[in-house]
Each structure stands twice: as structure tokens, then as C-alpha cells.
N, C-alpha and C. Protein backbone atom coordinates (compact mmCIF):
# COMPACT_ATOMS: atom_id res chain seq x y z
N MET A 1 -9.62 202.25 -233.97
CA MET A 1 -10.41 202.57 -235.24
C MET A 1 -11.72 203.45 -234.66
N GLU A 2 -11.99 204.33 -235.41
CA GLU A 2 -12.96 205.49 -235.27
C GLU A 2 -14.41 205.29 -235.83
N ILE A 3 -15.01 205.59 -234.73
CA ILE A 3 -16.43 205.24 -235.13
C ILE A 3 -17.01 206.72 -235.91
N SER A 4 -17.60 206.27 -237.10
CA SER A 4 -18.22 207.22 -238.07
C SER A 4 -19.50 207.54 -237.94
N ILE A 5 -20.50 208.45 -237.31
CA ILE A 5 -21.55 208.77 -237.25
C ILE A 5 -22.19 209.62 -238.28
N ASN A 6 -23.19 209.23 -239.05
CA ASN A 6 -23.99 210.02 -240.05
C ASN A 6 -24.76 210.66 -239.29
N TYR A 7 -24.61 212.13 -239.01
CA TYR A 7 -25.79 212.80 -238.22
C TYR A 7 -27.10 213.06 -238.88
N LEU A 8 -27.07 213.10 -240.27
CA LEU A 8 -27.83 213.26 -241.27
C LEU A 8 -28.99 212.10 -240.94
N ALA A 9 -28.50 210.90 -241.10
CA ALA A 9 -29.42 209.56 -240.95
C ALA A 9 -29.92 209.68 -239.59
N VAL A 10 -28.90 209.74 -238.54
CA VAL A 10 -29.70 209.96 -237.39
C VAL A 10 -30.72 210.54 -237.11
N GLY A 11 -30.68 211.92 -237.55
CA GLY A 11 -31.95 213.05 -237.66
C GLY A 11 -32.91 212.54 -238.59
N LEU A 12 -32.72 211.94 -239.56
CA LEU A 12 -33.75 211.19 -239.95
C LEU A 12 -34.45 210.03 -239.31
N ALA A 13 -33.71 209.21 -238.85
CA ALA A 13 -34.28 208.06 -238.31
C ALA A 13 -34.87 208.79 -237.09
N VAL A 14 -34.67 209.73 -236.54
CA VAL A 14 -35.35 210.66 -235.33
C VAL A 14 -36.76 210.97 -235.80
N ILE A 15 -36.46 211.89 -237.06
CA ILE A 15 -38.24 212.18 -237.64
C ILE A 15 -38.85 211.20 -238.04
N ALA A 16 -38.31 210.01 -238.63
CA ALA A 16 -39.01 209.03 -239.55
C ALA A 16 -39.74 208.14 -237.90
N ASN A 17 -39.26 208.26 -236.88
CA ASN A 17 -39.87 207.09 -235.62
C ASN A 17 -40.67 208.18 -234.95
N PHE A 18 -40.85 209.63 -235.00
CA PHE A 18 -41.57 210.45 -234.52
C PHE A 18 -42.81 210.29 -235.32
N VAL A 19 -42.83 210.47 -236.39
CA VAL A 19 -43.84 210.10 -237.30
C VAL A 19 -44.32 208.61 -237.18
N LEU A 20 -43.62 207.53 -237.06
CA LEU A 20 -43.96 206.38 -236.71
C LEU A 20 -44.75 205.96 -235.56
N GLY A 21 -44.10 207.03 -234.31
CA GLY A 21 -44.99 206.99 -233.03
C GLY A 21 -46.29 207.39 -233.24
N TRP A 22 -46.69 208.61 -233.85
CA TRP A 22 -48.01 209.22 -234.19
C TRP A 22 -48.78 208.24 -234.75
N LEU A 23 -48.37 207.42 -235.72
CA LEU A 23 -49.00 206.71 -236.41
C LEU A 23 -49.51 205.31 -235.92
N TRP A 24 -48.77 204.68 -234.95
CA TRP A 24 -48.87 203.50 -234.24
C TRP A 24 -49.84 204.01 -233.27
N TYR A 25 -50.02 204.76 -232.25
CA TYR A 25 -50.41 205.04 -231.15
C TYR A 25 -51.80 206.16 -231.51
N THR A 26 -52.03 206.28 -232.93
CA THR A 26 -52.91 207.17 -232.89
C THR A 26 -54.25 206.38 -234.06
N PRO A 27 -53.78 206.41 -235.32
CA PRO A 27 -54.52 205.76 -236.24
C PRO A 27 -54.67 204.14 -236.11
N LEU A 28 -53.32 203.64 -235.79
CA LEU A 28 -53.30 202.05 -235.97
C LEU A 28 -53.91 201.50 -234.76
N PHE A 29 -53.27 201.83 -233.41
CA PHE A 29 -53.47 201.39 -232.33
C PHE A 29 -54.08 202.05 -231.39
N GLY A 30 -54.10 203.39 -231.50
CA GLY A 30 -54.64 204.30 -230.44
C GLY A 30 -55.95 203.85 -229.85
N LYS A 31 -56.89 203.38 -230.34
CA LYS A 31 -58.03 203.10 -229.43
C LYS A 31 -57.70 201.95 -228.57
N ALA A 32 -57.03 200.85 -229.12
CA ALA A 32 -56.71 199.81 -228.23
C ALA A 32 -55.60 199.87 -226.87
N TRP A 33 -54.57 200.78 -227.42
CA TRP A 33 -53.76 201.44 -226.51
C TRP A 33 -54.17 202.44 -225.30
N THR A 34 -54.92 203.34 -225.77
CA THR A 34 -56.11 204.05 -224.91
C THR A 34 -56.63 203.23 -223.67
N LYS A 35 -57.61 202.20 -224.50
CA LYS A 35 -58.63 201.28 -223.62
C LYS A 35 -57.46 200.34 -222.43
N GLU A 36 -56.24 200.00 -222.95
CA GLU A 36 -55.36 198.97 -222.21
C GLU A 36 -54.58 200.07 -221.22
N MET A 37 -54.38 201.28 -221.52
CA MET A 37 -53.76 202.22 -220.73
C MET A 37 -54.84 202.93 -219.54
N LYS A 38 -56.08 202.60 -219.69
CA LYS A 38 -57.37 202.98 -219.04
C LYS A 38 -57.38 204.18 -218.94
N LEU A 39 -57.11 205.12 -220.08
CA LEU A 39 -57.21 206.60 -220.06
C LEU A 39 -58.48 207.10 -220.64
N ASP A 40 -58.89 208.28 -219.77
CA ASP A 40 -60.32 208.97 -220.17
C ASP A 40 -60.29 209.73 -221.32
N THR A 41 -61.03 209.13 -222.55
CA THR A 41 -60.74 209.61 -223.81
C THR A 41 -61.50 211.18 -223.64
N SER A 42 -62.29 211.05 -222.73
CA SER A 42 -63.18 212.63 -222.97
C SER A 42 -62.34 213.73 -222.39
N GLU A 43 -61.17 213.35 -221.78
CA GLU A 43 -60.29 214.33 -220.87
C GLU A 43 -59.20 214.77 -221.83
N LYS A 44 -58.93 215.94 -222.50
CA LYS A 44 -57.77 216.45 -223.50
C LYS A 44 -56.54 216.72 -222.45
N PRO A 45 -55.50 216.24 -222.81
CA PRO A 45 -54.16 216.63 -222.28
C PRO A 45 -53.92 218.25 -222.49
N LYS A 46 -53.40 218.70 -221.34
CA LYS A 46 -52.89 220.01 -221.64
C LYS A 46 -51.47 220.01 -222.51
N ILE A 47 -51.84 221.38 -223.18
CA ILE A 47 -50.91 221.47 -224.32
C ILE A 47 -49.14 221.58 -223.80
N GLY A 48 -48.98 221.73 -222.50
CA GLY A 48 -47.83 221.76 -222.10
C GLY A 48 -47.42 220.51 -221.67
N VAL A 49 -48.33 219.39 -221.23
CA VAL A 49 -48.13 217.97 -221.21
C VAL A 49 -47.45 217.24 -222.55
N MET A 50 -48.68 217.61 -223.33
CA MET A 50 -48.26 217.45 -225.00
C MET A 50 -46.92 217.38 -225.41
N LEU A 51 -46.58 218.93 -225.24
CA LEU A 51 -45.17 219.39 -225.90
C LEU A 51 -44.06 218.83 -224.87
N ARG A 52 -44.09 218.60 -223.69
CA ARG A 52 -43.14 217.71 -223.03
C ARG A 52 -42.97 216.67 -223.09
N GLY A 53 -44.21 216.05 -223.43
CA GLY A 53 -44.26 214.49 -223.86
C GLY A 53 -43.38 214.15 -225.12
N MET A 54 -43.59 215.17 -226.06
CA MET A 54 -43.13 215.23 -227.59
C MET A 54 -41.52 215.32 -227.50
N LEU A 55 -41.21 216.39 -226.83
CA LEU A 55 -39.96 216.89 -226.55
C LEU A 55 -38.96 215.29 -225.99
N PHE A 56 -39.49 214.97 -225.03
CA PHE A 56 -39.02 213.47 -224.40
C PHE A 56 -38.85 212.60 -225.36
N MET A 57 -39.97 212.72 -226.30
CA MET A 57 -39.89 211.40 -227.35
C MET A 57 -39.00 211.54 -228.41
N VAL A 58 -38.72 212.79 -228.81
CA VAL A 58 -37.58 213.44 -229.44
C VAL A 58 -36.24 213.10 -229.11
N ILE A 59 -35.89 213.50 -227.95
CA ILE A 59 -34.72 213.09 -227.19
C ILE A 59 -34.47 211.75 -227.09
N GLY A 60 -35.66 210.75 -226.43
CA GLY A 60 -35.66 209.22 -226.70
C GLY A 60 -35.24 208.78 -228.14
N ASN A 61 -35.74 209.17 -229.03
CA ASN A 61 -35.50 208.96 -230.52
C ASN A 61 -34.05 209.32 -230.77
N PHE A 62 -33.43 210.39 -230.43
CA PHE A 62 -32.27 210.59 -231.01
C PHE A 62 -31.27 209.64 -230.16
N LEU A 63 -31.66 209.54 -228.83
CA LEU A 63 -30.67 208.49 -228.17
C LEU A 63 -30.57 207.06 -228.87
N THR A 64 -31.68 206.73 -229.41
CA THR A 64 -32.12 205.18 -229.64
C THR A 64 -31.38 205.26 -231.04
N ALA A 65 -31.36 206.48 -231.83
CA ALA A 65 -30.79 206.50 -232.96
C ALA A 65 -29.33 206.58 -232.99
N TYR A 66 -28.77 207.03 -232.18
CA TYR A 66 -27.47 207.45 -232.03
C TYR A 66 -26.75 206.17 -231.27
N VAL A 67 -27.25 205.29 -230.71
CA VAL A 67 -26.70 204.09 -230.31
C VAL A 67 -26.98 202.93 -231.37
N ILE A 68 -28.05 203.05 -232.08
CA ILE A 68 -28.08 202.14 -233.20
C ILE A 68 -27.12 202.46 -234.11
N ALA A 69 -26.57 203.57 -234.59
CA ALA A 69 -25.55 204.01 -235.43
C ALA A 69 -24.12 203.17 -234.72
N HIS A 70 -23.95 203.40 -233.40
CA HIS A 70 -22.86 202.80 -232.74
C HIS A 70 -22.80 201.19 -233.13
N ASP A 71 -24.09 200.78 -232.86
CA ASP A 71 -24.51 199.06 -232.99
C ASP A 71 -24.04 198.82 -234.31
N VAL A 72 -24.64 199.56 -235.39
CA VAL A 72 -24.19 199.19 -236.60
C VAL A 72 -22.83 199.22 -237.17
N PHE A 73 -22.35 200.03 -236.57
CA PHE A 73 -20.64 199.93 -236.76
C PHE A 73 -20.07 198.51 -236.14
N ALA A 74 -20.77 198.23 -234.83
CA ALA A 74 -20.22 197.15 -234.37
C ALA A 74 -20.29 195.93 -235.01
N TRP A 75 -21.45 195.66 -235.63
CA TRP A 75 -22.05 194.52 -236.56
C TRP A 75 -21.11 194.53 -237.48
N SER A 76 -20.95 195.54 -238.38
CA SER A 76 -20.37 195.57 -239.54
C SER A 76 -18.64 194.96 -239.25
N LEU A 77 -18.18 194.84 -238.26
CA LEU A 77 -16.59 194.15 -237.67
C LEU A 77 -17.08 192.51 -237.66
N VAL A 78 -18.27 192.46 -237.35
CA VAL A 78 -18.52 190.65 -237.49
C VAL A 78 -18.10 190.03 -238.61
N PRO A 79 -17.24 189.23 -238.65
CA PRO A 79 -16.80 188.16 -239.71
C PRO A 79 -18.06 187.70 -240.52
N GLY A 80 -18.31 187.63 -241.71
CA GLY A 80 -19.41 187.47 -242.58
C GLY A 80 -20.35 188.38 -242.69
N MET A 81 -20.54 189.46 -242.10
CA MET A 81 -21.72 190.29 -242.23
C MET A 81 -21.81 191.03 -243.68
N GLN A 82 -20.54 191.18 -244.19
CA GLN A 82 -20.79 191.72 -245.90
C GLN A 82 -21.18 190.77 -246.63
N ASP A 83 -21.00 189.33 -246.18
CA ASP A 83 -21.21 188.22 -247.06
C ASP A 83 -22.65 188.14 -247.26
N MET A 84 -23.91 188.65 -246.32
CA MET A 84 -25.21 188.31 -246.28
C MET A 84 -25.64 188.86 -247.64
N GLY A 85 -25.06 189.50 -248.63
CA GLY A 85 -25.67 190.00 -249.73
C GLY A 85 -26.47 191.29 -249.62
N SER A 86 -27.13 191.79 -248.73
CA SER A 86 -27.83 192.91 -248.64
C SER A 86 -27.77 193.70 -247.00
N ASP A 87 -28.29 194.62 -247.25
CA ASP A 87 -28.20 195.68 -245.84
C ASP A 87 -29.07 195.02 -244.81
N MET A 88 -30.22 193.87 -245.27
CA MET A 88 -31.14 193.48 -244.64
C MET A 88 -30.69 192.57 -243.38
N GLY A 89 -29.54 192.16 -243.35
CA GLY A 89 -28.78 191.15 -242.52
C GLY A 89 -28.72 192.16 -241.00
N PRO A 90 -27.46 192.87 -241.46
CA PRO A 90 -27.30 193.93 -240.44
C PRO A 90 -28.74 194.72 -239.82
N VAL A 91 -29.54 195.12 -240.52
CA VAL A 91 -30.93 195.67 -239.95
C VAL A 91 -31.71 195.12 -239.31
N LEU A 92 -31.56 193.69 -239.63
CA LEU A 92 -32.50 192.74 -238.84
C LEU A 92 -31.78 192.28 -237.45
N MET A 93 -30.26 192.13 -237.64
CA MET A 93 -29.70 191.47 -236.45
C MET A 93 -29.37 192.82 -235.47
N THR A 94 -29.48 194.23 -235.91
CA THR A 94 -29.26 195.16 -234.88
C THR A 94 -30.57 195.53 -234.27
N SER A 95 -31.61 195.52 -235.27
CA SER A 95 -32.95 195.98 -234.80
C SER A 95 -33.47 194.79 -233.54
N PHE A 96 -33.22 193.59 -233.98
CA PHE A 96 -33.64 192.29 -233.12
C PHE A 96 -33.02 192.20 -232.04
N PHE A 97 -31.79 192.44 -231.99
CA PHE A 97 -31.22 191.96 -230.75
C PHE A 97 -31.06 193.30 -229.70
N ILE A 98 -31.33 194.28 -230.26
CA ILE A 98 -31.66 195.45 -228.95
C ILE A 98 -32.60 194.94 -228.86
N TRP A 99 -33.77 195.03 -229.40
CA TRP A 99 -35.10 194.75 -229.17
C TRP A 99 -35.29 193.49 -228.03
N LEU A 100 -34.55 192.65 -228.37
CA LEU A 100 -34.57 191.01 -227.48
C LEU A 100 -34.05 191.48 -226.37
N GLY A 101 -33.02 192.00 -226.14
CA GLY A 101 -32.34 192.09 -224.93
C GLY A 101 -32.61 193.32 -224.00
N TYR A 102 -33.19 194.43 -224.59
CA TYR A 102 -33.57 195.74 -223.74
C TYR A 102 -35.02 195.70 -223.50
N TYR A 103 -35.60 195.63 -224.78
CA TYR A 103 -37.27 196.07 -224.70
C TYR A 103 -38.11 195.11 -224.11
N VAL A 104 -37.81 193.68 -224.81
CA VAL A 104 -38.60 192.73 -224.46
C VAL A 104 -38.52 192.26 -222.70
N PRO A 105 -37.13 192.28 -222.09
CA PRO A 105 -37.49 192.10 -220.76
C PRO A 105 -38.00 193.23 -219.96
N THR A 106 -37.72 194.35 -220.37
CA THR A 106 -38.41 195.63 -219.79
C THR A 106 -39.85 195.43 -219.57
N HIS A 107 -40.41 195.24 -220.75
CA HIS A 107 -42.16 195.18 -221.02
C HIS A 107 -42.26 193.75 -220.41
N ILE A 108 -41.89 192.71 -220.21
CA ILE A 108 -42.03 191.45 -219.56
C ILE A 108 -42.31 191.54 -217.91
N GLY A 109 -41.38 192.48 -217.38
CA GLY A 109 -41.27 193.36 -215.85
C GLY A 109 -42.64 193.88 -215.80
N ALA A 110 -42.94 194.90 -216.53
CA ALA A 110 -43.70 195.71 -216.42
C ALA A 110 -45.29 195.10 -216.35
N THR A 111 -45.13 194.09 -217.58
CA THR A 111 -46.75 193.38 -217.27
C THR A 111 -46.89 192.53 -216.15
N THR A 112 -45.72 192.02 -215.80
CA THR A 112 -45.98 191.00 -214.55
C THR A 112 -46.39 191.86 -213.14
N TRP A 113 -44.97 192.47 -213.03
CA TRP A 113 -45.15 193.55 -211.91
C TRP A 113 -45.85 194.55 -211.66
N GLU A 114 -46.08 195.12 -212.80
CA GLU A 114 -46.87 196.58 -212.52
C GLU A 114 -48.50 196.31 -213.19
N ARG A 115 -48.80 194.66 -213.39
CA ARG A 115 -50.19 194.17 -213.86
C ARG A 115 -50.48 195.19 -215.27
N LYS A 116 -49.67 195.42 -215.94
CA LYS A 116 -50.03 195.71 -217.32
C LYS A 116 -50.75 194.76 -218.24
N SER A 117 -51.48 194.92 -219.09
CA SER A 117 -51.98 193.90 -219.73
C SER A 117 -51.10 193.32 -220.99
N TRP A 118 -51.36 192.14 -221.35
CA TRP A 118 -50.31 191.53 -222.35
C TRP A 118 -50.71 192.27 -223.51
N LYS A 119 -51.85 192.60 -223.91
CA LYS A 119 -52.33 193.30 -225.04
C LYS A 119 -51.63 194.56 -225.27
N LEU A 120 -51.32 195.38 -224.25
CA LEU A 120 -50.63 196.34 -224.26
C LEU A 120 -49.18 196.33 -224.72
N THR A 121 -48.75 195.25 -223.84
CA THR A 121 -47.38 195.10 -223.90
C THR A 121 -46.84 194.46 -225.19
N PHE A 122 -48.01 193.90 -226.27
CA PHE A 122 -47.59 193.45 -227.30
C PHE A 122 -47.58 194.88 -228.49
N ILE A 123 -48.64 195.39 -228.20
CA ILE A 123 -48.74 196.90 -228.81
C ILE A 123 -47.36 197.88 -228.70
N ASN A 124 -46.83 197.78 -227.57
CA ASN A 124 -45.62 198.42 -227.18
C ASN A 124 -44.49 197.86 -227.42
N LEU A 125 -44.51 196.66 -227.44
CA LEU A 125 -43.16 195.64 -228.04
C LEU A 125 -43.04 195.77 -229.51
N GLY A 126 -44.37 195.99 -230.17
CA GLY A 126 -44.42 196.01 -231.65
C GLY A 126 -43.91 197.44 -232.11
N TYR A 127 -44.34 198.46 -231.42
CA TYR A 127 -43.92 199.77 -231.57
C TYR A 127 -42.33 199.58 -231.67
N HIS A 128 -41.92 199.38 -230.35
CA HIS A 128 -40.25 199.65 -230.37
C HIS A 128 -39.55 198.66 -231.18
N PHE A 129 -39.85 197.47 -231.54
CA PHE A 129 -39.17 196.65 -232.74
C PHE A 129 -39.52 197.64 -233.90
N ALA A 130 -40.90 198.16 -234.45
CA ALA A 130 -41.12 198.96 -235.56
C ALA A 130 -39.88 199.77 -235.42
N THR A 131 -39.56 200.96 -234.45
CA THR A 131 -38.68 201.86 -234.35
C THR A 131 -37.30 201.74 -234.19
N LEU A 132 -36.82 200.45 -234.03
CA LEU A 132 -35.72 200.05 -234.00
C LEU A 132 -35.36 199.73 -235.56
N PHE A 133 -36.36 199.02 -236.16
CA PHE A 133 -36.22 198.37 -237.58
C PHE A 133 -35.89 199.70 -238.32
N VAL A 134 -36.61 200.72 -238.26
CA VAL A 134 -36.71 201.92 -239.16
C VAL A 134 -35.37 202.44 -238.81
N ALA A 135 -35.04 202.91 -237.65
CA ALA A 135 -34.06 203.50 -237.61
C ALA A 135 -32.56 202.90 -238.04
N ALA A 136 -32.48 201.62 -237.75
CA ALA A 136 -31.31 200.66 -238.21
C ALA A 136 -31.43 200.58 -239.95
N LEU A 137 -32.51 200.45 -240.33
CA LEU A 137 -32.61 200.66 -241.85
C LEU A 137 -32.36 201.79 -242.70
N ILE A 138 -32.49 203.25 -241.99
CA ILE A 138 -32.17 204.45 -242.46
C ILE A 138 -30.68 204.52 -242.01
N ILE A 139 -30.17 204.33 -241.05
CA ILE A 139 -28.90 204.31 -240.67
C ILE A 139 -28.05 203.56 -241.57
N ILE A 140 -28.82 202.52 -241.99
CA ILE A 140 -27.40 201.32 -242.53
C ILE A 140 -27.51 201.82 -244.34
N LYS A 141 -28.72 201.80 -244.55
CA LYS A 141 -28.92 202.50 -246.09
C LYS A 141 -28.00 203.82 -246.45
N MET A 142 -28.17 204.70 -245.29
CA MET A 142 -27.40 206.08 -245.32
C MET A 142 -25.70 206.05 -245.18
N GLY A 143 -25.37 204.84 -244.45
CA GLY A 143 -23.99 204.86 -244.06
C GLY A 143 -23.27 204.42 -245.11
């Protein structure tokens, strides 16, 4: 069985999650995130640091969307998934289980071992669930 990847959907998911990252960490939770990260807001990051961060964010968004595209295909093989009546079942199953299995344990570990605050953990976990949900939604709707 051949897995078919809609690269246009993957590309749109990358762009959507790049915009979501800006929204999440700037107007929505930027002040709280900056405070919890203990960053000095008077110090502006160098343009090279910002560009490198954005490049790695795009690469990470691509890898996430690419894996989600594979995961969506796998969920389509589960008996009864098509009987859920809408695309929201696969969107939620894909985003929730990736989030629960990979992001939650990583963030809990960072919170306990690296002494990160729980507030920071919830900001980041919320962002990661939102990006997974957006990517899964785009990939499934365009599938």
C-alpha cells in the first residue's frame, strides 16, 4: 500500500503553523512566555539569531506536518474511522495522540528536571497542541 502525501497541504500547514507561532508567542502569550523564560525584554536579539530561529522553526514545522500526513494515513486504516461522520475524529485523534505521547512527556520532563515553571509548560503545551491540530486539520481537509 502506497502512502500518498499532499505536499501542498503540508506546505500550507507549515505556513499556518509559522503564523500561529508568531500569534501564540507574540500577542497572545508573548508577555507571559517572556516572563516565564526570564528573558530581558530590553535586549533585542540579533537579526542572525532571529533568522536562524525562524529557519529551524520552518524545518520543524515541515517535519511535524510530514509526520502528521503519515499519521493521518495510518488513522484512515483504523476500522470505523470513516463512520465517525466528519473529519474531526481523525483530526482530533491525530493531534491528541501525537501531543499526548510525545509533547506532554517531554514538557513534563523539562518542568521537573530543568525547573521550568508550570505556567511556561502550559503555554508551550497549548501551542504544540494547537499546531498539531491546525496541521492535521489542513492535511485532512485537503486530503
